[in-house]
C-alpha atoms as a PDB file:
ATOM      1  CA  MET A   1     127.008 123.933  47.710  1.00  0.00           C
ATOM      2  CA  ALA A   2     130.059 125.812  45.627  1.00  0.00           C
ATOM      3  CA  GLN A   3     133.860 125.889  47.205  1.00  0.00           C
ATOM      4  CA  ILE A   4     134.274 129.589  46.381  1.00  0.00           C
ATOM      5  CA  LEU A   5     137.887 129.810  47.740  1.00  0.00           C
ATOM      6  CA  ASP A   6     139.220 126.444  46.589  1.00  0.00           C
ATOM      7  CA  PRO A   7     136.649 124.602  44.361  1.00  0.00           C
ATOM      8  CA  LEU A   8     137.148 120.884  43.389  1.00  0.00           C
ATOM      9  CA  PRO A   9     139.982 120.483  40.450  1.00  0.00           C
ATOM     10  CA  PRO A  10     138.089 120.148  37.187  1.00  0.00           C
ATOM     11  CA  GLU A  11     139.540 116.262  36.766  1.00  0.00           C
ATOM     12  CA  GLN A  12     137.804 115.391  40.125  1.00  0.00           C
ATOM     13  CA  SER A  13     134.672 113.558  39.580  1.00  0.00           C
ATOM     14  CA  GLY A  14     132.257 112.155  41.569  1.00  0.00           C
ATOM     15  CA  LYS A  15     132.160 114.942  44.320  1.00  0.00           C
ATOM     16  CA  ILE A  16     129.891 114.438  47.334  1.00  0.00           C
ATOM     17  CA  LEU A  17     128.425 116.500  50.060  1.00  0.00           C
ATOM     18  CA  CYS A  18     129.688 115.968  53.661  1.00  0.00           C
ATOM     19  CA  CYS A  19     129.599 116.859  57.217  1.00  0.00           C
ATOM     20  CA  TYR A  20     131.756 116.887  59.999  1.00  0.00           C
ATOM     21  CA  ILE A  21     130.944 117.997  63.552  1.00  0.00           C
ATOM     22  CA  ASN A  22     133.529 118.473  66.043  1.00  0.00           C
ATOM     23  CA  ALA A  23     132.317 117.128  69.204  1.00  0.00           C
ATOM     24  CA  THR A  24     135.008 118.092  71.090  1.00  0.00           C
ATOM     25  CA  SER A  25     135.441 121.239  73.486  1.00  0.00           C
ATOM     26  CA  LYS A  26     139.076 121.705  71.814  1.00  0.00           C
ATOM     27  CA  ILE A  27     139.296 123.945  68.606  1.00  0.00           C
ATOM     28  CA  GLN A  28     140.178 121.269  65.493  1.00  0.00           C
ATOM     29  CA  VAL A  29     141.553 121.724  61.790  1.00  0.00           C
ATOM     30  CA  ALA A  30     140.002 119.788  59.115  1.00  0.00           C
ATOM     31  CA  ARG A  31     142.366 119.261  56.327  1.00  0.00           C
ATOM     32  CA  ILE A  32     142.196 116.852  53.059  1.00  0.00           C
ATOM     33  CA  CYS A  33     145.444 116.347  51.818  1.00  0.00           C
ATOM     34  CA  ASN A  34     145.149 113.383  49.421  1.00  0.00           C
ATOM     35  CA  ILE A  35     144.017 115.157  46.618  1.00  0.00           C
ATOM     36  CA  PRO A  36     146.414 116.699  43.942  1.00  0.00           C
ATOM     37  CA  ASN A  37     146.222 120.335  43.014  1.00  0.00           C
ATOM     38  CA  TRP A  38     143.377 120.669  45.454  1.00  0.00           C
ATOM     39  CA  TYR A  39     143.839 122.702  49.054  1.00  0.00           C
ATOM     40  CA  PHE A  40     141.279 122.519  52.162  1.00  0.00           C
ATOM     41  CA  GLU A  41     141.722 123.186  55.415  1.00  0.00           C
ATOM     42  CA  ARG A  42     139.295 124.750  57.863  1.00  0.00           C
ATOM     43  CA  VAL A  43     139.179 125.776  61.458  1.00  0.00           C
ATOM     44  CA  VAL A  44     136.459 123.787  63.230  1.00  0.00           C
ATOM     45  CA  PHE A  45     135.413 125.444  66.805  1.00  0.00           C
ATOM     46  CA  PRO A  46     133.868 123.092  69.480  1.00  0.00           C
ATOM     47  CA  GLY A  47     130.371 122.170  68.453  1.00  0.00           C
ATOM     48  CA  GLN A  48     130.398 123.455  65.161  1.00  0.00           C
ATOM     49  CA  ARG A  49     129.251 121.493  62.026  1.00  0.00           C
ATOM     50  CA  LEU A  50     131.381 122.013  58.866  1.00  0.00           C
ATOM     51  CA  VAL A  51     129.608 121.238  55.627  1.00  0.00           C
ATOM     52  CA  PHE A  52     131.659 121.154  52.428  1.00  0.00           C
ATOM     53  CA  GLU A  53     132.155 119.136  48.928  1.00  0.00           C
ATOM     54  CA  ALA A  54     134.668 116.801  48.432  1.00  0.00           C
ATOM     55  CA  PRO A  55     135.942 113.739  46.094  1.00  0.00           C
ATOM     56  CA  ARG A  56     134.741 110.603  47.056  1.00  0.00           C
ATOM     57  CA  LYS A  57     138.096 109.168  47.420  1.00  0.00           C
ATOM     58  CA  GLY A  58     139.262 112.260  49.746  1.00  0.00           C
ATOM     59  CA  GLN A  59     140.901 111.537  53.365  1.00  0.00           C
ATOM     60  CA  MET A  60     139.948 113.932  55.887  1.00  0.00           C
ATOM     61  CA  GLU A  61     142.389 114.671  58.742  1.00  0.00           C
ATOM     62  CA  ILE A  62     141.524 115.906  61.972  1.00  0.00           C
ATOM     63  CA  HIS A  63     143.846 118.071  64.095  1.00  0.00           C
ATOM     64  CA  THR A  64     142.964 118.713  67.465  1.00  0.00           C
ATOM     65  CA  GLY A  65     144.702 121.875  68.924  1.00  0.00           C
ATOM     66  CA  MET A  66     146.632 121.404  72.010  1.00  0.00           C
ATOM     67  CA  MET A  67     148.697 124.313  73.724  1.00  0.00           C
ATOM     68  CA  ALA A  68     150.834 125.780  71.090  1.00  0.00           C
ATOM     69  CA  SER A  69     150.706 122.708  68.668  1.00  0.00           C
ATOM     70  CA  SER A  70     148.273 120.060  67.339  1.00  0.00           C
ATOM     71  CA  ILE A  71     147.847 116.790  67.465  1.00  0.00           C
ATOM     72  CA  LEU A  72     146.766 114.414  64.285  1.00  0.00           C
ATOM     73  CA  SER A  73     144.045 112.852  66.299  1.00  0.00           C
ATOM     74  CA  ASP A  74     141.919 110.985  63.473  1.00  0.00           C
ATOM     75  CA  LYS A  75     141.691 110.101  59.502  1.00  0.00           C
ATOM     76  CA  ILE A  76     138.235 109.721  58.381  1.00  0.00           C
ATOM     77  CA  PRO A  77     137.571 108.752  54.539  1.00  0.00           C
ATOM     78  CA  CYS A  78     135.549 111.753  52.974  1.00  0.00           C
ATOM     79  CA  ASP A  79     132.617 108.779  51.816  1.00  0.00           C
ATOM     80  CA  HIS A  80     132.332 108.240  55.665  1.00  0.00           C
ATOM     81  CA  LEU A  81     130.990 111.540  56.235  1.00  0.00           C
ATOM     82  CA  MET A  82     128.748 111.955  53.153  1.00  0.00           C
ATOM     83  CA  LEU A  83     125.394 113.521  53.840  1.00  0.00           C
ATOM     84  CA  ASN A  84     122.289 111.759  52.498  1.00  0.00           C
ATOM     85  CA  GLU A  85     120.489 114.542  50.093  1.00  0.00           C
ATOM     86  CA  PRO A  86     116.885 114.728  50.233  1.00  0.00           C
ATOM     87  CA  SER A  87     114.879 113.731  47.140  1.00  0.00           C
ATOM     88  CA  ALA A  88     112.976 116.287  45.379  1.00  0.00           C
ATOM     89  CA  TYR A  89     110.073 115.273  46.741  1.00  0.00           C
ATOM     90  CA  GLU A  90     110.599 116.275  49.978  1.00  0.00           C
ATOM     91  CA  PHE A  91     110.815 119.795  49.421  1.00  0.00           C
ATOM     92  CA  ASP A  92     107.855 119.755  46.784  1.00  0.00           C
ATOM     93  CA  THR A  93     105.817 122.978  47.941  1.00  0.00           C
ATOM     94  CA  ASP A  94     103.431 122.848  45.196  1.00  0.00           C
ATOM     95  CA  SER A  95     101.007 120.383  46.279  1.00  0.00           C
ATOM     96  CA  SER A  96      97.658 120.801  45.964  1.00  0.00           C
ATOM     97  CA  ASP A  97      96.278 121.002  49.756  1.00  0.00           C
ATOM     98  CA  GLY A  98      98.841 123.829  50.450  1.00  0.00           C
ATOM     99  CA  LYS A  99     100.608 122.180  53.526  1.00  0.00           C
ATOM    100  CA  ASP A 100     104.215 122.298  54.312  1.00  0.00           C
ATOM    101  CA  PRO A 101     105.713 118.638  54.415  1.00  0.00           C
ATOM    102  CA  ILE A 102     108.506 119.290  56.371  1.00  0.00           C
ATOM    103  CA  ASN A 103     107.071 122.062  58.901  1.00  0.00           C
ATOM    104  CA  THR A 104     104.082 120.957  60.420  1.00  0.00           C
ATOM    105  CA  LYS A 105     103.961 123.617  63.656  1.00  0.00           C
ATOM    106  CA  PRO A 106     102.688 127.102  62.753  1.00  0.00           C
ATOM    107  CA  MET A 107     105.873 129.296  62.782  1.00  0.00           C
ATOM    108  CA  VAL A 108     104.291 131.977  64.921  1.00  0.00           C
ATOM    109  CA  GLN A 109     102.060 130.508  68.150  1.00  0.00           C
ATOM    110  CA  GLN A 110      99.496 132.277  69.630  1.00  0.00           C
ATOM    111  CA  ILE A 111     100.407 134.396  72.167  1.00  0.00           C
ATOM    112  CA  ASN A 112      98.024 134.558  75.141  1.00  0.00           C
ATOM    113  CA  THR A 113      97.572 138.145  76.644  1.00  0.00           C
ATOM    114  CA  LYS A 114      96.188 138.747  80.058  1.00  0.00           C
ATOM    115  CA  ILE A 115      93.492 141.745  79.911  1.00  0.00           C
ATOM    116  CA  GLY A 116      92.906 143.931  82.768  1.00  0.00           C
ATOM    117  CA  ASP A 117      95.149 146.253  84.966  1.00  0.00           C
ATOM    118  CA  THR A 118      98.484 144.641  85.202  1.00  0.00           C
ATOM    119  CA  THR A 119     100.126 147.613  87.101  1.00  0.00           C
ATOM    120  CA  LYS A 120     100.424 147.668  90.725  1.00  0.00           C
ATOM    121  CA  PRO A 121     101.712 150.442  93.013  1.00  0.00           C
ATOM    122  CA  LEU A 122     105.065 149.862  93.967  1.00  0.00           C
ATOM    123  CA  GLN A 123     105.723 148.543  97.691  1.00  0.00           C
ATOM    124  CA  VAL A 124     109.110 149.890  99.417  1.00  0.00           C
ATOM    125  CA  ALA A 125     110.223 147.562 102.403  1.00  0.00           C
ATOM    126  CA  GLY A 126     106.985 148.539 104.892  1.00  0.00           C
ATOM    127  CA  LEU A 127     106.073 151.949 102.968  1.00  0.00           C
ATOM    128  CA  ALA A 128     103.530 151.780 100.652  1.00  0.00           C
ATOM    129  CA  ALA A 129     103.704 154.098  97.614  1.00  0.00           C
ATOM    130  CA  VAL A 130     101.384 157.113  97.561  1.00  0.00           C
ATOM    131  CA  ASP A 131      99.161 157.404  94.396  1.00  0.00           C
END
């Protein structure tokens, strides 16, 4: 996953794919400050999932928004936020049986339709509609 606006410095090795979820009801700011020559700061809305690349030694600070201020509410090592990337065989769609190994349910389910007259005359509070 590329960081278009703020790529990792070329001298950084060992980048990892990470995910942070804002499980609070408040807006948060996720910031990594301990990597020289790199700026990473994102707003994370309540319930939002933030997926990003970071150096393994990165330290994420979570600032929780309060009225006209923010409070440093957590510091999380990026290696604790690391995603387990699926191996190539999990996405192998060239299998001989033609089945998708991930999605086993059909994408479009059958729609049950009732055949027949489905329109009825309108009835208004004690008055019958005239056909």
